[in-house]
C-alpha atoms as a PDB file:
ATOM      1  CA  MET A   1       6.049 -20.847  -9.794  1.00  0.00           C
ATOM      2  CA  ASN A   2       3.944 -17.935  -8.447  1.00  0.00           C
ATOM      3  CA  ALA A   3       5.163 -15.939  -5.451  1.00  0.00           C
ATOM      4  CA  GLY A   4       1.781 -14.259  -5.052  1.00  0.00           C
ATOM      5  CA  GLY A   5       0.092 -15.013  -1.746  1.00  0.00           C
ATOM      6  CA  GLU A   6       3.244 -16.485  -0.175  1.00  0.00           C
ATOM      7  CA  GLN A   7       4.560 -14.838   2.968  1.00  0.00           C
ATOM      8  CA  HIS A   8       8.037 -13.340   2.752  1.00  0.00           C
ATOM      9  CA  THR A   9      10.212 -11.898   5.489  1.00  0.00           C
ATOM     10  CA  ARG A  10      13.083  -9.427   5.500  1.00  0.00           C
ATOM     11  CA  ARG A  11      15.057  -7.881   8.343  1.00  0.00           C
ATOM     12  CA  VAL A  12      15.951  -4.345   7.323  1.00  0.00           C
ATOM     13  CA  VAL A  13      17.948  -1.586   8.967  1.00  0.00           C
ATOM     14  CA  PHE A  14      17.056   2.088   8.708  1.00  0.00           C
ATOM     15  CA  GLU A  15      19.942   4.313   9.776  1.00  0.00           C
ATOM     16  CA  CYS A  16      19.444   8.045  10.213  1.00  0.00           C
ATOM     17  CA  ASP A  17      22.484  10.295  10.589  1.00  0.00           C
ATOM     18  CA  ALA A  18      21.494  13.960  10.598  1.00  0.00           C
ATOM     19  CA  ARG A  19      22.089  17.333  12.198  1.00  0.00           C
ATOM     20  CA  GLY A  20      19.579  18.402  14.798  1.00  0.00           C
ATOM     21  CA  SER A  21      18.148  21.109  12.511  1.00  0.00           C
ATOM     22  CA  LYS A  22      17.558  18.548   9.755  1.00  0.00           C
ATOM     23  CA  LEU A  23      16.110  15.950  12.099  1.00  0.00           C
ATOM     24  CA  ALA A  24      13.587  18.507  13.341  1.00  0.00           C
ATOM     25  CA  LEU A  25      12.232  18.880   9.812  1.00  0.00           C
ATOM     26  CA  GLY A  26      12.046  15.124   9.260  1.00  0.00           C
ATOM     27  CA  LYS A  27      14.800  13.035   7.713  1.00  0.00           C
ATOM     28  CA  THR A  28      13.800  10.295   5.250  1.00  0.00           C
ATOM     29  CA  VAL A  29      15.975   7.222   4.692  1.00  0.00           C
ATOM     30  CA  LYS A  30      15.331   4.970   1.675  1.00  0.00           C
ATOM     31  CA  PHE A  31      16.841   1.852   0.129  1.00  0.00           C
ATOM     32  CA  SER A  32      19.163   2.309  -2.822  1.00  0.00           C
ATOM     33  CA  ASN A  33      18.334  -1.191  -4.135  1.00  0.00           C
ATOM     34  CA  PRO A  34      14.784  -2.107  -3.022  1.00  0.00           C
ATOM     35  CA  GLY A  35      14.383  -4.522  -5.923  1.00  0.00           C
ATOM     36  CA  ASP A  36      17.234  -6.659  -4.609  1.00  0.00           C
ATOM     37  CA  VAL A  37      16.107  -6.387  -0.979  1.00  0.00           C
ATOM     38  CA  PHE A  38      12.482  -7.458  -1.361  1.00  0.00           C
ATOM     39  CA  ARG A  39      12.551  -9.636  -4.457  1.00  0.00           C
ATOM     40  CA  PRO A  40      11.841 -13.251  -3.397  1.00  0.00           C
ATOM     41  CA  MET A  41      14.474 -15.893  -3.936  1.00  0.00           C
ATOM     42  CA  LYS A  42      13.853 -17.802  -7.159  1.00  0.00           C
ATOM     43  CA  PRO A  43      13.846 -21.593  -6.669  1.00  0.00           C
ATOM     44  CA  ALA A  44      16.553 -23.399  -8.563  1.00  0.00           C
ATOM     45  CA  ASP A  45      14.358 -26.258  -9.786  1.00  0.00           C
ATOM     46  CA  LEU A  46      11.875 -24.291 -11.933  1.00  0.00           C
ATOM     47  CA  SER A  47      10.835 -25.512 -15.335  1.00  0.00           C
ATOM     48  CA  ALA A  48      11.269 -23.142 -18.275  1.00  0.00           C
ATOM     49  CA  GLU A  49       7.569 -22.241 -18.086  1.00  0.00           C
ATOM     50  CA  GLU A  50       7.683 -21.635 -14.338  1.00  0.00           C
ATOM     51  CA  ASP A  51      10.841 -19.575 -14.714  1.00  0.00           C
ATOM     52  CA  ALA A  52       9.174 -17.351 -17.322  1.00  0.00           C
ATOM     53  CA  ALA A  53       6.120 -16.910 -15.085  1.00  0.00           C
ATOM     54  CA  PHE A  54       8.332 -15.962 -12.131  1.00  0.00           C
ATOM     55  CA  GLU A  55      10.243 -13.372 -14.156  1.00  0.00           C
ATOM     56  CA  ALA A  56       6.964 -11.893 -15.453  1.00  0.00           C
ATOM     57  CA  GLN A  57       5.684 -11.129 -11.944  1.00  0.00           C
ATOM     58  CA  ASN A  58       5.661  -7.577 -10.608  1.00  0.00           C
ATOM     59  CA  PHE A  59       7.668  -7.471  -7.384  1.00  0.00           C
ATOM     60  CA  GLU A  60       7.521  -3.700  -6.939  1.00  0.00           C
ATOM     61  CA  LYS A  61       4.159  -3.616  -5.155  1.00  0.00           C
ATOM     62  CA  ALA A  62       3.294  -5.773  -2.175  1.00  0.00           C
ATOM     63  CA  ILE A  63       1.089  -5.900   0.884  1.00  0.00           C
ATOM     64  CA  ILE A  64       2.933  -5.591   4.182  1.00  0.00           C
ATOM     65  CA  THR A  65       1.352  -7.964   6.695  1.00  0.00           C
ATOM     66  CA  GLY A  66       3.432  -7.101   9.743  1.00  0.00           C
ATOM     67  CA  VAL A  67       6.286  -5.000  11.105  1.00  0.00           C
ATOM     68  CA  THR A  68       8.231  -5.860  14.268  1.00  0.00           C
ATOM     69  CA  LEU A  69      10.962  -3.783  15.864  1.00  0.00           C
ATOM     70  CA  LYS A  70      14.013  -5.966  16.482  1.00  0.00           C
ATOM     71  CA  SER A  71      16.514  -3.455  17.883  1.00  0.00           C
ATOM     72  CA  VAL A  72      17.170   0.280  18.274  1.00  0.00           C
ATOM     73  CA  SER A  73      20.049   2.592  19.067  1.00  0.00           C
ATOM     74  CA  SER A  74      20.059   6.352  19.518  1.00  0.00           C
ATOM     75  CA  ASN A  75      22.456   8.984  20.781  1.00  0.00           C
ATOM     76  CA  CYS A  76      19.792  11.676  20.511  1.00  0.00           C
ATOM     77  CA  PRO A  77      18.773  13.345  23.805  1.00  0.00           C
ATOM     78  CA  GLU A  78      15.206  13.799  22.526  1.00  0.00           C
ATOM     79  CA  PRO A  79      12.521  11.271  21.513  1.00  0.00           C
ATOM     80  CA  VAL A  80      12.588  10.470  17.792  1.00  0.00           C
ATOM     81  CA  THR A  81       9.441   9.321  16.016  1.00  0.00           C
ATOM     82  CA  VAL A  82       9.955   6.855  13.158  1.00  0.00           C
ATOM     83  CA  GLY A  83       7.365   6.188  10.456  1.00  0.00           C
ATOM     84  CA  LEU A  84       7.140   4.195   7.215  1.00  0.00           C
ATOM     85  CA  ASN A  85       5.256   5.122   4.062  1.00  0.00           C
ATOM     86  CA  LEU A  86       3.266   1.905   4.296  1.00  0.00           C
ATOM     87  CA  PHE A  87       0.488   2.685   1.839  1.00  0.00           C
ATOM     88  CA  GLU A  88       0.108   4.275  -1.566  1.00  0.00           C
ATOM     89  CA  GLY A  89      -3.410   5.496  -0.768  1.00  0.00           C
ATOM     90  CA  GLN A  90      -5.520   5.859   2.358  1.00  0.00           C
ATOM     91  CA  PRO A  91      -6.935   2.402   3.115  1.00  0.00           C
ATOM     92  CA  LYS A  92      -8.962   2.155   6.320  1.00  0.00           C
ATOM     93  CA  ILE A  93      -6.663  -0.325   8.050  1.00  0.00           C
ATOM     94  CA  VAL A  94      -7.117  -1.375  11.674  1.00  0.00           C
ATOM     95  CA  ASN A  95      -3.768  -1.954  13.366  1.00  0.00           C
ATOM     96  CA  SER A  96      -4.112  -4.457  16.213  1.00  0.00           C
ATOM     97  CA  ALA A  97      -0.853  -3.088  17.657  1.00  0.00           C
ATOM     98  CA  GLY A  98      -2.444   0.372  17.802  1.00  0.00           C
ATOM     99  CA  TRP A  99      -1.568   3.470  15.783  1.00  0.00           C
ATOM    100  CA  LEU A 100       1.075   5.740  17.251  1.00  0.00           C
ATOM    101  CA  TYR A 101      -0.078   9.344  17.614  1.00  0.00           C
ATOM    102  CA  ALA A 102       2.816  11.775  17.886  1.00  0.00           C
ATOM    103  CA  LYS A 103       3.009  15.560  17.891  1.00  0.00           C
ATOM    104  CA  GLN A 104       3.612  16.970  14.438  1.00  0.00           C
ATOM    105  CA  THR A 105       6.406  19.487  14.165  1.00  0.00           C
ATOM    106  CA  ASN A 106       5.742  21.954  11.382  1.00  0.00           C
ATOM    107  CA  ASP A 107       4.582  25.516  10.816  1.00  0.00           C
ATOM    108  CA  MET A 108       0.954  24.500  10.248  1.00  0.00           C
ATOM    109  CA  THR A 109       0.038  22.519  13.355  1.00  0.00           C
ATOM    110  CA  LYS A 110       1.257  21.027  16.616  1.00  0.00           C
ATOM    111  CA  ASP A 111      -1.553  18.456  16.720  1.00  0.00           C
ATOM    112  CA  HIS A 112      -0.979  14.780  17.399  1.00  0.00           C
ATOM    113  CA  ALA A 113      -1.481  12.515  14.389  1.00  0.00           C
ATOM    114  CA  HIS A 114      -0.554   8.983  13.340  1.00  0.00           C
ATOM    115  CA  GLN A 115       0.580  10.093   9.885  1.00  0.00           C
ATOM    116  CA  ASN A 116       2.971  12.825   8.809  1.00  0.00           C
ATOM    117  CA  GLU A 117       3.736  13.747   5.200  1.00  0.00           C
ATOM    118  CA  GLY A 118       2.485  10.352   3.989  1.00  0.00           C
ATOM    119  CA  PHE A 119       4.482   8.375   6.563  1.00  0.00           C
ATOM    120  CA  THR A 120       2.640   6.297   9.180  1.00  0.00           C
ATOM    121  CA  ASN A 121       4.118   6.606  12.666  1.00  0.00           C
ATOM    122  CA  LEU A 122       5.228   3.222  14.012  1.00  0.00           C
ATOM    123  CA  VAL A 123       7.581   3.803  16.938  1.00  0.00           C
ATOM    124  CA  THR A 124       9.138   6.489  19.119  1.00  0.00           C
ATOM    125  CA  VAL A 125      12.785   5.874  19.977  1.00  0.00           C
ATOM    126  CA  LEU A 126      13.405   7.189  23.481  1.00  0.00           C
ATOM    127  CA  PRO A 127      16.269   9.543  24.388  1.00  0.00           C
ATOM    128  CA  ASN A 128      19.598   7.694  24.188  1.00  0.00           C
ATOM    129  CA  GLU A 129      17.766   4.358  23.919  1.00  0.00           C
ATOM    130  CA  LYS A 130      20.048   1.398  23.265  1.00  0.00           C
ATOM    131  CA  GLN A 131      17.909  -1.700  23.384  1.00  0.00           C
ATOM    132  CA  ARG A 132      14.347  -2.796  22.616  1.00  0.00           C
ATOM    133  CA  MET A 133      13.445  -6.105  21.029  1.00  0.00           C
ATOM    134  CA  ASN A 134      10.505  -7.841  19.415  1.00  0.00           C
ATOM    135  CA  GLU A 135       7.921  -5.089  19.730  1.00  0.00           C
ATOM    136  CA  VAL A 136       5.085  -5.532  17.220  1.00  0.00           C
ATOM    137  CA  LEU A 137       4.515  -2.203  15.508  1.00  0.00           C
ATOM    138  CA  TYR A 138       2.084  -3.075  12.751  1.00  0.00           C
ATOM    139  CA  SER A 139      -0.337  -5.981  12.510  1.00  0.00           C
ATOM    140  CA  PRO A 140      -3.306  -5.274  10.193  1.00  0.00           C
ATOM    141  CA  GLU A 141      -6.624  -6.867  11.109  1.00  0.00           C
ATOM    142  CA  ASN A 142      -8.828  -6.089   8.125  1.00  0.00           C
ATOM    143  CA  VAL A 143      -6.821  -6.587   4.929  1.00  0.00           C
ATOM    144  CA  LEU A 144      -9.114  -7.636   2.092  1.00  0.00           C
ATOM    145  CA  SER A 145      -9.261 -11.347   1.378  1.00  0.00           C
ATOM    146  CA  ASP A 146      -6.967 -12.830  -1.273  1.00  0.00           C
ATOM    147  CA  GLN A 147     -10.077 -13.527  -3.344  1.00  0.00           C
ATOM    148  CA  TYR A 148     -10.804  -9.807  -3.766  1.00  0.00           C
ATOM    149  CA  ILE A 149      -7.151  -8.877  -4.175  1.00  0.00           C
ATOM    150  CA  ASN A 150      -6.623 -11.478  -6.904  1.00  0.00           C
ATOM    151  CA  LYS A 151      -9.803 -10.410  -8.666  1.00  0.00           C
ATOM    152  CA  TYR A 152      -9.473  -6.625  -8.490  1.00  0.00           C
ATOM    153  CA  GLY A 153      -5.921  -5.881  -7.377  1.00  0.00           C
ATOM    154  CA  ALA A 154      -4.601  -5.071 -10.851  1.00  0.00           C
ATOM    155  CA  TYR A 155      -7.207  -2.364 -11.522  1.00  0.00           C
ATOM    156  CA  THR A 156      -6.660   1.382 -11.368  1.00  0.00           C
ATOM    157  CA  VAL A 157      -9.255   4.092 -12.019  1.00  0.00           C
ATOM    158  CA  GLU A 158      -7.859   4.513 -15.533  1.00  0.00           C
ATOM    159  CA  LYS A 159      -7.999   0.791 -16.255  1.00  0.00           C
ATOM    160  CA  LEU A 160     -11.602   0.577 -15.036  1.00  0.00           C
ATOM    161  CA  TRP A 161     -12.606   2.972 -17.812  1.00  0.00           C
ATOM    162  CA  GLU A 162     -10.948   0.977 -20.562  1.00  0.00           C
ATOM    163  CA  ASN A 163     -13.343  -0.616 -23.087  1.00  0.00           C
ATOM    164  CA  ILE A 164     -16.150   1.767 -22.122  1.00  0.00           C
ATOM    165  CA  VAL A 165     -17.238   3.937 -25.054  1.00  0.00           C
ATOM    166  CA  PRO A 166     -19.042   7.258 -24.439  1.00  0.00           C
ATOM    167  CA  PHE A 167     -21.335   8.985 -26.913  1.00  0.00           C
ATOM    168  CA  PRO A 168     -21.678  12.797 -26.891  1.00  0.00           C
ATOM    169  CA  ASN A 169     -24.942  14.011 -25.345  1.00  0.00           C
ATOM    170  CA  GLU A 170     -26.235  10.460 -24.817  1.00  0.00           C
ATOM    171  CA  PRO A 171     -27.174   9.022 -21.373  1.00  0.00           C
ATOM    172  CA  TYR A 172     -25.476   5.679 -21.997  1.00  0.00           C
ATOM    173  CA  TYR A 173     -22.166   3.962 -22.683  1.00  0.00           C
ATOM    174  CA  TYR A 174     -21.245   0.965 -24.759  1.00  0.00           C
ATOM    175  CA  VAL A 175     -19.504  -1.482 -22.443  1.00  0.00           C
ATOM    176  CA  ASP A 176     -17.539  -4.554 -23.476  1.00  0.00           C
ATOM    177  CA  GLN A 177     -19.396  -7.720 -22.470  1.00  0.00           C
ATOM    178  CA  ASP A 178     -16.305  -9.007 -20.598  1.00  0.00           C
ATOM    179  CA  HIS A 179     -15.752  -5.796 -18.638  1.00  0.00           C
ATOM    180  CA  VAL A 180     -15.665  -6.091 -14.840  1.00  0.00           C
ATOM    181  CA  VAL A 181     -18.618  -3.668 -14.678  1.00  0.00           C
ATOM    182  CA  MET A 182     -20.772  -6.176 -16.544  1.00  0.00           C
ATOM    183  CA  LYS A 183     -19.842  -8.880 -14.045  1.00  0.00           C
ATOM    184  CA  ILE A 184     -20.909  -6.607 -11.183  1.00  0.00           C
ATOM    185  CA  ILE A 185     -24.162  -5.783 -12.938  1.00  0.00           C
ATOM    186  CA  SER A 186     -24.851  -9.484 -13.494  1.00  0.00           C
ATOM    187  CA  GLN A 187     -24.345 -10.168  -9.771  1.00  0.00           C
ATOM    188  CA  ASN A 188     -26.617  -7.269  -8.760  1.00  0.00           C
ATOM    189  CA  TRP A 189     -29.156  -7.228 -11.575  1.00  0.00           C
ATOM    190  CA  GLU A 190     -32.169  -7.139  -9.251  1.00  0.00           C
ATOM    191  CA  GLN A 191     -31.012  -3.930  -7.526  1.00  0.00           C
ATOM    192  CA  LEU A 192     -29.807  -2.303 -10.756  1.00  0.00           C
ATOM    193  CA  GLY A 193     -32.714  -3.380 -12.904  1.00  0.00           C
ATOM    194  CA  ILE A 194     -30.474  -4.653 -15.698  1.00  0.00           C
ATOM    195  CA  SER A 195     -29.874  -8.247 -16.723  1.00  0.00           C
ATOM    196  CA  PRO A 196     -26.926  -8.340 -19.165  1.00  0.00           C
ATOM    197  CA  GLU A 197     -27.883 -11.846 -20.303  1.00  0.00           C
ATOM    198  CA  ASN A 198     -31.161 -10.485 -21.636  1.00  0.00           C
ATOM    199  CA  GLU A 199     -29.762  -7.332 -23.236  1.00  0.00           C
ATOM    200  CA  GLN A 200     -29.220  -6.985 -26.972  1.00  0.00           C
ATOM    201  CA  MET A 201     -25.572  -7.272 -28.010  1.00  0.00           C
ATOM    202  CA  ARG A 202     -24.115  -4.584 -30.279  1.00  0.00           C
ATOM    203  CA  GLU A 203     -21.409  -5.428 -32.815  1.00  0.00           C
ATOM    204  CA  GLY A 204     -20.937  -8.839 -31.254  1.00  0.00           C
ATOM    205  CA  HIS A 205     -19.534  -7.761 -27.865  1.00  0.00           C
ATOM    206  CA  TRP A 206     -20.914  -4.354 -26.755  1.00  0.00           C
ATOM    207  CA  LEU A 207     -23.772  -3.778 -24.344  1.00  0.00           C
ATOM    208  CA  LYS A 208     -25.659  -0.503 -23.963  1.00  0.00           C
ATOM    209  CA  VAL A 209     -25.668   0.574 -20.303  1.00  0.00           C
ATOM    210  CA  SER A 210     -26.890   3.711 -18.534  1.00  0.00           C
ATOM    211  CA  LYS A 211     -24.149   6.203 -17.652  1.00  0.00           C
ATOM    212  CA  ASP A 212     -25.417   6.442 -14.088  1.00  0.00           C
ATOM    213  CA  VAL A 213     -25.209   2.672 -13.603  1.00  0.00           C
ATOM    214  CA  VAL A 214     -21.677   2.475 -15.008  1.00  0.00           C
ATOM    215  CA  LYS A 215     -20.425   5.414 -12.947  1.00  0.00           C
ATOM    216  CA  ASN A 216     -22.000   4.021  -9.783  1.00  0.00           C
ATOM    217  CA  CYS A 217     -20.459   0.554 -10.304  1.00  0.00           C
ATOM    218  CA  ILE A 218     -16.986   1.967 -10.933  1.00  0.00           C
ATOM    219  CA  SER A 219     -17.231   4.369  -8.003  1.00  0.00           C
ATOM    220  CA  GLN A 220     -18.394   1.685  -5.569  1.00  0.00           C
ATOM    221  CA  LEU A 221     -15.791  -0.823  -6.768  1.00  0.00           C
ATOM    222  CA  TYR A 222     -12.940   1.654  -6.467  1.00  0.00           C
ATOM    223  CA  GLU A 223     -13.936   3.206  -3.126  1.00  0.00           C
ATOM    224  CA  ASN A 224     -14.981   0.002  -1.343  1.00  0.00           C
ATOM    225  CA  VAL A 225     -12.480  -2.490  -2.756  1.00  0.00           C
ATOM    226  CA  ILE A 226      -9.594  -1.257  -4.887  1.00  0.00           C
ATOM    227  CA  SER A 227      -8.647   1.787  -2.792  1.00  0.00           C
ATOM    228  CA  GLN A 228      -8.774  -0.373   0.345  1.00  0.00           C
ATOM    229  CA  ILE A 229      -5.970  -2.680  -0.813  1.00  0.00           C
ATOM    230  CA  PRO A 230      -2.975  -1.525   1.283  1.00  0.00           C
ATOM    231  CA  TYR A 231      -0.319  -1.641  -1.391  1.00  0.00           C
ATOM    232  CA  THR A 232       3.246  -0.709  -0.535  1.00  0.00           C
ATOM    233  CA  ASN A 233       5.486   0.504  -3.342  1.00  0.00           C
ATOM    234  CA  PHE A 234       8.890  -0.916  -2.507  1.00  0.00           C
ATOM    235  CA  LYS A 235      10.584   1.525  -4.896  1.00  0.00           C
ATOM    236  CA  GLU A 236       9.409   4.351  -2.635  1.00  0.00           C
ATOM    237  CA  LEU A 237       9.552   2.612   0.752  1.00  0.00           C
ATOM    238  CA  GLY A 238      11.443   4.589   3.356  1.00  0.00           C
ATOM    239  CA  ALA A 239      11.582   5.538   7.011  1.00  0.00           C
ATOM    240  CA  ARG A 240      11.055   9.075   8.268  1.00  0.00           C
ATOM    241  CA  PHE A 241      12.834  10.142  11.470  1.00  0.00           C
ATOM    242  CA  GLN A 242      11.794  13.289  13.310  1.00  0.00           C
ATOM    243  CA  GLY A 243      12.699  14.722  16.703  1.00  0.00           C
ATOM    244  CA  ASN A 244      12.356  17.973  18.612  1.00  0.00           C
ATOM    245  CA  THR A 245      15.981  18.895  17.974  1.00  0.00           C
ATOM    246  CA  SER A 246      17.957  21.856  16.676  1.00  0.00           C
ATOM    247  CA  GLY A 247      21.489  23.033  15.929  1.00  0.00           C
ATOM    248  CA  ASP A 248      24.399  21.465  14.061  1.00  0.00           C
ATOM    249  CA  THR A 249      25.059  18.529  16.416  1.00  0.00           C
ATOM    250  CA  ARG A 250      24.780  15.256  14.518  1.00  0.00           C
ATOM    251  CA  TYR A 251      22.549  12.514  15.885  1.00  0.00           C
ATOM    252  CA  LYS A 252      22.453   8.886  14.835  1.00  0.00           C
ATOM    253  CA  VAL A 253      19.308   6.801  15.246  1.00  0.00           C
ATOM    254  CA  VAL A 254      19.141   3.193  14.017  1.00  0.00           C
ATOM    255  CA  CYS A 255      16.135   0.861  13.817  1.00  0.00           C
ATOM    256  CA  GLU A 256      16.207  -2.767  12.757  1.00  0.00           C
ATOM    257  CA  MET A 257      12.786  -4.020  11.675  1.00  0.00           C
ATOM    258  CA  LEU A 258      11.397  -7.365  10.610  1.00  0.00           C
ATOM    259  CA  VAL A 259       8.999  -6.861   7.703  1.00  0.00           C
ATOM    260  CA  ASN A 260       6.491  -9.537   6.639  1.00  0.00           C
ATOM    261  CA  TYR A 261       4.875  -9.111   3.234  1.00  0.00           C
ATOM    262  CA  LYS A 262       3.217 -10.868   0.339  1.00  0.00           C
ATOM    263  CA  PHE A 263       2.725 -10.167  -3.338  1.00  0.00           C
ATOM    264  CA  PRO A 264      -0.814 -10.088  -4.742  1.00  0.00           C
END
């Protein structure tokens, strides 16, 4: 049983209760048990092999495929902007629902932006708002295909450099024949001028490759594919509430959201 690629849905509530002075600086609300909240339900009829495969899966990182606001409530007399830390990096995602640009409130700038301190703005709760339902906040248009995610999703920059051996003062590396770089070179041998199938093998599994070619392949793969996978780390997922408020009066703002997601 593999939960990767399957769509999952959770309805989650983010509840902010803060003094006006704290809300002005941005109040972050997180889950205390994200593993329990977002972990998919394990089917009861799994074989021993399927059960082991299910337990071996990493359910900490996922790709959020949609966020819908289900309800809101606020006793704050000022608008409150709510954002989620949707991504680990900075993928160039197009949101068909439109990005929300809100005025930043800090000592550095008063500019409008759709991100603040790593949190992506999704909705502004209006003063004393009590009801709003089924508003789509996030619907990505250009998430990489499952083919690319399955092929490259497990790679980090550090992992890309594994099984690549440098030599001091030499313009080449030894690269393992099964390394992802060699697969890219094989697919683009005409442009790169290297055909791994025709290269001499060293020590049974190493190929001698120019440093420039290796660096270019890793750079292009990371920048154009890996860094564009919009991973969400559920262990860190939270909502950030911020309003133009002050003083010691406590304000309570609540958002219920429907979150759609899948595991790579």
